[in-house]
Amino acid sequence: MKASHAIVAAVLALACATAVSAWTTPNTLTANQTPRVAVLAELFTSEGCSSCPPADNLLRQLLREQPVAGVEVIAISEHVDYWNRLGWRDPFSSSQFSDRQGEYARAFGDGQIYTPQLVIDGSAGVVGNDAAAVRRALAQAATAPRARLAISSRGVEPGKVEVAVAVSDLPPAVAAGATFEVVVALVEDGLETAVTRGENARKHLHHDAVARVLGPIGSLLPGRSGGEFRRTLALTGFADLGRARIVAFLQDRQSRRVVGVAAASLP
């Protein structure tokens, strides 16, 4: 009987160790490692665009492999709706994301709106399926000064979650003269679609980090280095809440540059 208990304990210990290993984040350090810098990657994509599936796959690879030295990639996949009139209505699309991409085009001053576009830390737009350009932009973004963000959350009632974002250590030179929005997104991994029409007809598409909810929950006024912000959000439209995550970031209202980002699991 004692031997049986020992075997069970060993199996449970191995299972726990495996679970911990599986959920280790890129910020977990060994003695010889330095902290990774979190960088936000926003992919503007569409299931109606034949150039987008490679970009969707690249984003999934960046999230799962974290291949850029010194960088923790935190992603949001935002499906635009302007492709919907060309044969296939993307089920994850929204005019909100098309409008957000338009804001970046105006901020960048080039007026360019295209898919797939990957916007890095709100400061640079690159072609979303150009792996080399994406990696260079991520590495460059990690060199910029930024604030610290910490996310906490709790279920407040069925179908709702309260998200709190603590912002700290925004460098004075960055904080001076700028108003920053604290933006929260709820994203979902592991989504799939069998496309039957349009440019991707007969393709089975896979998506991670798909935005289900995205919007500001507060503002950090000029000269402020930090604060705490909270908002109760509805958990609607998700296929599986077990694959959902919270992303929070601090974004200059005028220039659109992102100066801090973090991610966390739902409670």
Protein backbone atom coordinates (compact mmCIF):
# COMPACT_ATOMS: atom_id res chain seq x y z
CA MET A 1 0.00 0.00 0.00
CA LYS A 2 2.84 2.38 0.86
CA ALA A 3 4.57 1.61 -2.46
CA SER A 4 1.34 2.36 -4.29
CA HIS A 5 1.09 5.73 -2.53
CA ALA A 6 4.67 6.53 -3.46
CA ILE A 7 4.00 5.75 -7.12
CA VAL A 8 0.91 7.97 -7.12
CA ALA A 9 2.86 10.81 -5.47
CA ALA A 10 5.63 10.52 -8.04
CA VAL A 11 3.13 10.62 -10.91
CA LEU A 12 1.41 13.67 -9.43
CA ALA A 13 4.74 15.44 -8.92
CA LEU A 14 5.71 14.75 -12.52
CA ALA A 15 2.34 16.04 -13.74
CA CYS A 16 2.69 19.22 -11.70
CA ALA A 17 6.20 19.80 -12.98
CA THR A 18 4.99 19.32 -16.54
CA ALA A 19 2.12 21.77 -15.99
CA VAL A 20 4.45 24.40 -14.58
CA SER A 21 6.82 23.94 -17.50
CA ALA A 22 4.00 24.24 -20.04
CA TRP A 23 2.84 27.54 -18.59
CA THR A 24 6.25 29.14 -18.11
CA THR A 25 6.25 32.58 -19.72
CA PRO A 26 9.10 34.23 -21.65
CA ASN A 27 9.69 36.45 -18.60
CA THR A 28 10.83 33.48 -16.51
CA LEU A 29 14.58 33.89 -15.98
CA THR A 30 17.54 31.67 -15.29
CA ALA A 31 20.70 32.97 -13.66
CA ASN A 32 22.26 33.88 -17.01
CA GLN A 33 19.21 35.52 -18.61
CA THR A 34 18.06 39.14 -18.70
CA PRO A 35 14.40 40.18 -18.70
CA ARG A 36 12.65 40.28 -22.04
CA VAL A 37 11.02 43.55 -23.07
CA ALA A 38 7.32 43.24 -23.86
CA VAL A 39 6.43 44.65 -27.30
CA LEU A 40 2.93 44.93 -28.79
CA ALA A 41 2.31 43.50 -32.26
CA GLU A 42 -1.08 44.39 -33.80
CA LEU A 43 -1.89 42.44 -36.94
CA PHE A 44 -4.51 43.94 -39.26
CA THR A 45 -5.75 40.98 -41.25
CA SER A 46 -8.76 39.48 -43.03
CA GLU A 47 -9.96 36.03 -44.00
CA GLY A 48 -10.90 37.55 -47.38
CA CYS A 49 -7.27 38.42 -48.20
CA SER A 50 -5.11 35.74 -49.84
CA SER A 51 -1.90 37.32 -48.50
CA CYS A 52 -3.10 37.18 -44.90
CA PRO A 53 -2.89 33.48 -43.91
CA PRO A 54 0.96 33.53 -43.96
CA ALA A 55 0.84 36.61 -41.70
CA ASP A 56 -1.64 34.89 -39.36
CA ASN A 57 0.71 31.90 -39.19
CA LEU A 58 3.73 34.13 -38.56
CA LEU A 59 1.92 35.81 -35.67
CA ARG A 60 1.07 32.41 -34.20
CA GLN A 61 4.72 31.39 -34.53
CA LEU A 62 5.93 34.57 -32.82
CA LEU A 63 3.58 33.98 -29.91
CA ARG A 64 4.40 30.31 -29.46
CA GLU A 65 8.15 30.35 -30.11
CA GLN A 66 9.11 33.88 -28.99
CA PRO A 67 12.11 33.81 -31.37
CA VAL A 68 13.33 37.43 -31.07
CA ALA A 69 16.15 37.73 -28.53
CA GLY A 70 15.30 40.08 -25.66
CA VAL A 71 11.68 40.54 -26.80
CA GLU A 72 8.42 39.16 -25.44
CA VAL A 73 5.90 39.45 -28.26
CA ILE A 74 2.37 40.29 -27.06
CA ALA A 75 -0.07 40.21 -29.95
CA ILE A 76 -3.55 41.29 -30.97
CA SER A 77 -5.07 40.11 -34.25
CA GLU A 78 -7.57 42.71 -35.48
CA HIS A 79 -9.73 41.56 -38.40
CA VAL A 80 -10.78 44.47 -40.61
CA ASP A 81 -14.14 44.55 -42.39
CA TYR A 82 -13.33 46.26 -45.71
CA TRP A 83 -12.67 42.89 -47.40
CA ASN A 84 -16.13 41.58 -46.52
CA ARG A 85 -17.79 42.96 -49.66
CA LEU A 86 -15.50 40.91 -51.92
CA GLY A 87 -17.00 37.46 -51.48
CA TRP A 88 -16.37 36.35 -47.89
CA ARG A 89 -17.54 37.90 -44.63
CA ASP A 90 -14.84 37.41 -42.00
CA PRO A 91 -16.66 36.25 -38.82
CA PHE A 92 -14.09 38.02 -36.60
CA SER A 93 -14.15 41.33 -38.48
CA SER A 94 -15.32 44.70 -37.20
CA SER A 95 -15.40 48.26 -38.48
CA GLN A 96 -13.77 49.18 -35.17
CA PHE A 97 -10.54 47.52 -36.30
CA SER A 98 -10.71 49.13 -39.75
CA ASP A 99 -11.10 52.50 -38.04
CA ARG A 100 -8.16 51.76 -35.74
CA GLN A 101 -5.97 50.93 -38.72
CA GLY A 102 -7.03 54.23 -40.28
CA GLU A 103 -5.88 56.05 -37.13
CA TYR A 104 -2.43 54.53 -37.57
CA ALA A 105 -2.32 55.55 -41.23
CA ARG A 106 -3.02 59.15 -40.23
CA ALA A 107 -0.51 59.05 -37.37
CA PHE A 108 2.21 57.62 -39.64
CA GLY A 109 1.44 60.28 -42.24
CA ASP A 110 1.58 57.89 -45.18
CA GLY A 111 -2.14 57.17 -45.55
CA GLN A 112 -1.40 53.51 -46.31
CA ILE A 113 -4.08 50.98 -45.42
CA TYR A 114 -3.44 47.39 -46.45
CA THR A 115 -3.53 43.81 -45.26
CA PRO A 116 -1.66 42.13 -43.82
CA GLN A 117 -0.16 44.98 -41.83
CA LEU A 118 1.67 44.47 -38.55
CA VAL A 119 1.92 47.59 -36.39
CA ILE A 120 4.71 47.36 -33.81
CA ASP A 121 4.23 49.32 -30.56
CA GLY A 122 2.00 51.76 -32.44
CA SER A 123 5.11 53.30 -34.01
CA ALA A 124 5.98 51.32 -37.15
CA GLY A 125 3.96 49.45 -39.76
CA VAL A 126 5.46 46.55 -41.70
CA VAL A 127 4.08 43.96 -44.11
CA GLY A 128 2.71 41.27 -41.83
CA ASN A 129 4.05 38.27 -43.75
CA ASP A 130 7.62 39.65 -44.08
CA ALA A 131 9.27 37.69 -41.26
CA ALA A 132 12.65 39.46 -41.49
CA ALA A 133 11.11 42.95 -41.40
CA VAL A 134 8.83 41.96 -38.53
CA ARG A 135 11.72 40.68 -36.44
CA ARG A 136 13.80 43.80 -37.08
CA ALA A 137 10.89 46.05 -36.07
CA LEU A 138 10.29 44.06 -32.88
CA ALA A 139 13.95 44.23 -31.88
CA GLN A 140 14.08 47.97 -32.57
CA ALA A 141 10.91 48.66 -30.57
CA ALA A 142 12.36 46.90 -27.52
CA THR A 143 15.06 49.58 -27.22
CA ALA A 144 12.56 52.40 -26.48
CA PRO A 145 11.87 53.56 -22.88
CA ARG A 146 8.59 52.34 -21.43
CA ALA A 147 6.36 52.05 -18.40
CA ARG A 148 5.61 48.96 -16.33
CA LEU A 149 2.11 47.47 -16.48
CA ALA A 150 0.56 44.86 -14.21
CA ILE A 151 -2.82 43.22 -14.81
CA SER A 152 -5.18 41.69 -12.27
CA SER A 153 -8.72 40.48 -12.79
CA ARG A 154 -11.66 38.81 -11.07
CA GLY A 155 -15.03 37.47 -12.08
CA VAL A 156 -17.74 39.75 -10.73
CA GLU A 157 -20.83 37.95 -12.06
CA PRO A 158 -21.59 35.39 -14.78
CA GLY A 159 -20.38 36.64 -18.13
CA LYS A 160 -18.39 39.59 -16.76
CA VAL A 161 -14.84 40.21 -15.57
CA GLU A 162 -13.34 43.18 -13.75
CA VAL A 163 -9.90 44.06 -15.12
CA ALA A 164 -7.47 46.27 -13.19
CA VAL A 165 -4.33 47.70 -14.78
CA ALA A 166 -1.59 49.25 -12.63
CA VAL A 167 0.77 51.57 -14.51
CA SER A 168 4.09 52.62 -12.99
CA ASP A 169 7.54 53.99 -13.79
CA LEU A 170 6.64 55.88 -16.95
CA PRO A 171 9.86 57.83 -17.66
CA PRO A 172 9.43 61.60 -17.05
CA ALA A 173 10.70 62.46 -20.52
CA VAL A 174 8.03 60.21 -22.03
CA ALA A 175 5.25 61.41 -19.73
CA ALA A 176 5.85 65.12 -20.31
CA GLY A 177 3.23 66.80 -22.46
CA ALA A 178 1.38 63.64 -23.51
CA THR A 179 -1.93 62.05 -22.55
CA PHE A 180 -1.89 58.27 -22.60
CA GLU A 181 -4.85 55.92 -22.96
CA VAL A 182 -4.90 52.73 -20.93
CA VAL A 183 -6.29 50.22 -23.44
CA VAL A 184 -7.51 46.70 -22.68
CA ALA A 185 -8.15 43.90 -25.16
CA LEU A 186 -9.64 40.48 -24.57
CA VAL A 187 -8.22 38.09 -27.13
CA GLU A 188 -8.84 34.44 -27.99
CA ASP A 189 -6.49 31.78 -29.32
CA GLY A 190 -7.12 28.60 -31.30
CA LEU A 191 -9.85 29.86 -33.62
CA GLU A 192 -10.47 28.15 -36.98
CA THR A 193 -12.56 28.84 -40.06
CA ALA A 194 -13.31 26.76 -43.16
CA VAL A 195 -13.57 29.47 -45.82
CA THR A 196 -15.97 28.70 -48.68
CA ARG A 197 -15.81 31.86 -50.81
CA GLY A 198 -13.49 34.69 -51.77
CA GLU A 199 -9.71 34.64 -52.25
CA ASN A 200 -9.21 31.98 -49.55
CA ALA A 201 -11.99 29.65 -50.73
CA ARG A 202 -11.41 26.00 -49.73
CA LYS A 203 -8.76 26.96 -47.16
CA HIS A 204 -8.92 26.07 -43.47
CA LEU A 205 -7.57 29.08 -41.56
CA HIS A 206 -6.13 29.24 -38.03
CA HIS A 207 -5.93 32.31 -35.79
CA ASP A 208 -4.47 33.24 -32.40
CA ALA A 209 -4.86 36.41 -30.33
CA VAL A 210 -8.09 37.43 -32.09
CA ALA A 211 -9.52 40.60 -30.55
CA ARG A 212 -12.97 40.07 -29.08
CA VAL A 213 -13.03 43.24 -26.95
CA LEU A 214 -10.80 46.29 -27.41
CA GLY A 215 -11.05 49.76 -25.91
CA PRO A 216 -9.71 52.32 -23.42
CA ILE A 217 -10.48 52.04 -19.72
CA GLY A 218 -8.90 55.31 -18.59
CA SER A 219 -6.36 58.04 -19.27
CA LEU A 220 -2.99 58.94 -17.78
CA LEU A 221 -2.68 62.72 -17.87
CA PRO A 222 0.48 64.64 -18.86
CA GLY A 223 3.29 64.46 -16.31
CA ARG A 224 1.83 61.46 -14.46
CA SER A 225 4.16 58.47 -14.08
CA GLY A 226 1.50 55.94 -13.09
CA GLY A 227 -1.89 55.08 -11.71
CA GLU A 228 -4.44 52.29 -11.41
CA PHE A 229 -7.38 51.82 -13.76
CA ARG A 230 -10.22 49.30 -13.72
CA ARG A 231 -13.25 48.40 -15.79
CA THR A 232 -15.84 45.62 -15.85
CA LEU A 233 -16.03 43.98 -19.28
CA ALA A 234 -18.60 41.62 -20.79
CA LEU A 235 -17.36 38.20 -21.90
CA THR A 236 -19.43 37.88 -25.07
CA GLY A 237 -18.64 36.30 -28.43
CA PHE A 238 -15.99 33.87 -27.21
CA ALA A 239 -15.83 30.31 -28.54
CA ASP A 240 -13.88 29.07 -25.49
CA LEU A 241 -13.02 31.27 -22.51
CA GLY A 242 -10.30 28.79 -21.62
CA ARG A 243 -8.35 30.11 -24.61
CA ALA A 244 -8.88 33.80 -23.78
CA ARG A 245 -6.31 36.27 -22.45
CA ILE A 246 -6.15 39.89 -21.32
CA VAL A 247 -3.82 42.34 -23.04
CA ALA A 248 -3.31 45.85 -21.64
CA PHE A 249 -1.20 48.64 -23.07
CA LEU A 250 -0.42 52.32 -22.62
CA GLN A 251 -0.82 54.37 -25.81
CA ASP A 252 -0.11 58.01 -26.59
CA ARG A 253 -3.46 59.47 -27.61
CA GLN A 254 -1.89 61.75 -30.22
CA SER A 255 1.10 59.91 -31.74
CA ARG A 256 -0.37 56.40 -31.15
CA ARG A 257 2.98 55.05 -29.90
CA VAL A 258 2.72 52.32 -27.27
CA VAL A 259 4.97 52.77 -24.24
CA GLY A 260 4.11 49.68 -22.21
CA VAL A 261 2.23 46.41 -22.61
CA ALA A 262 1.42 43.32 -20.56
CA ALA A 263 -0.70 40.19 -20.85
CA ALA A 264 -2.42 37.87 -18.37
CA SER A 265 -4.82 34.95 -18.25
CA LEU A 266 -8.49 35.38 -17.48
CA PRO A 267 -9.44 34.49 -13.88
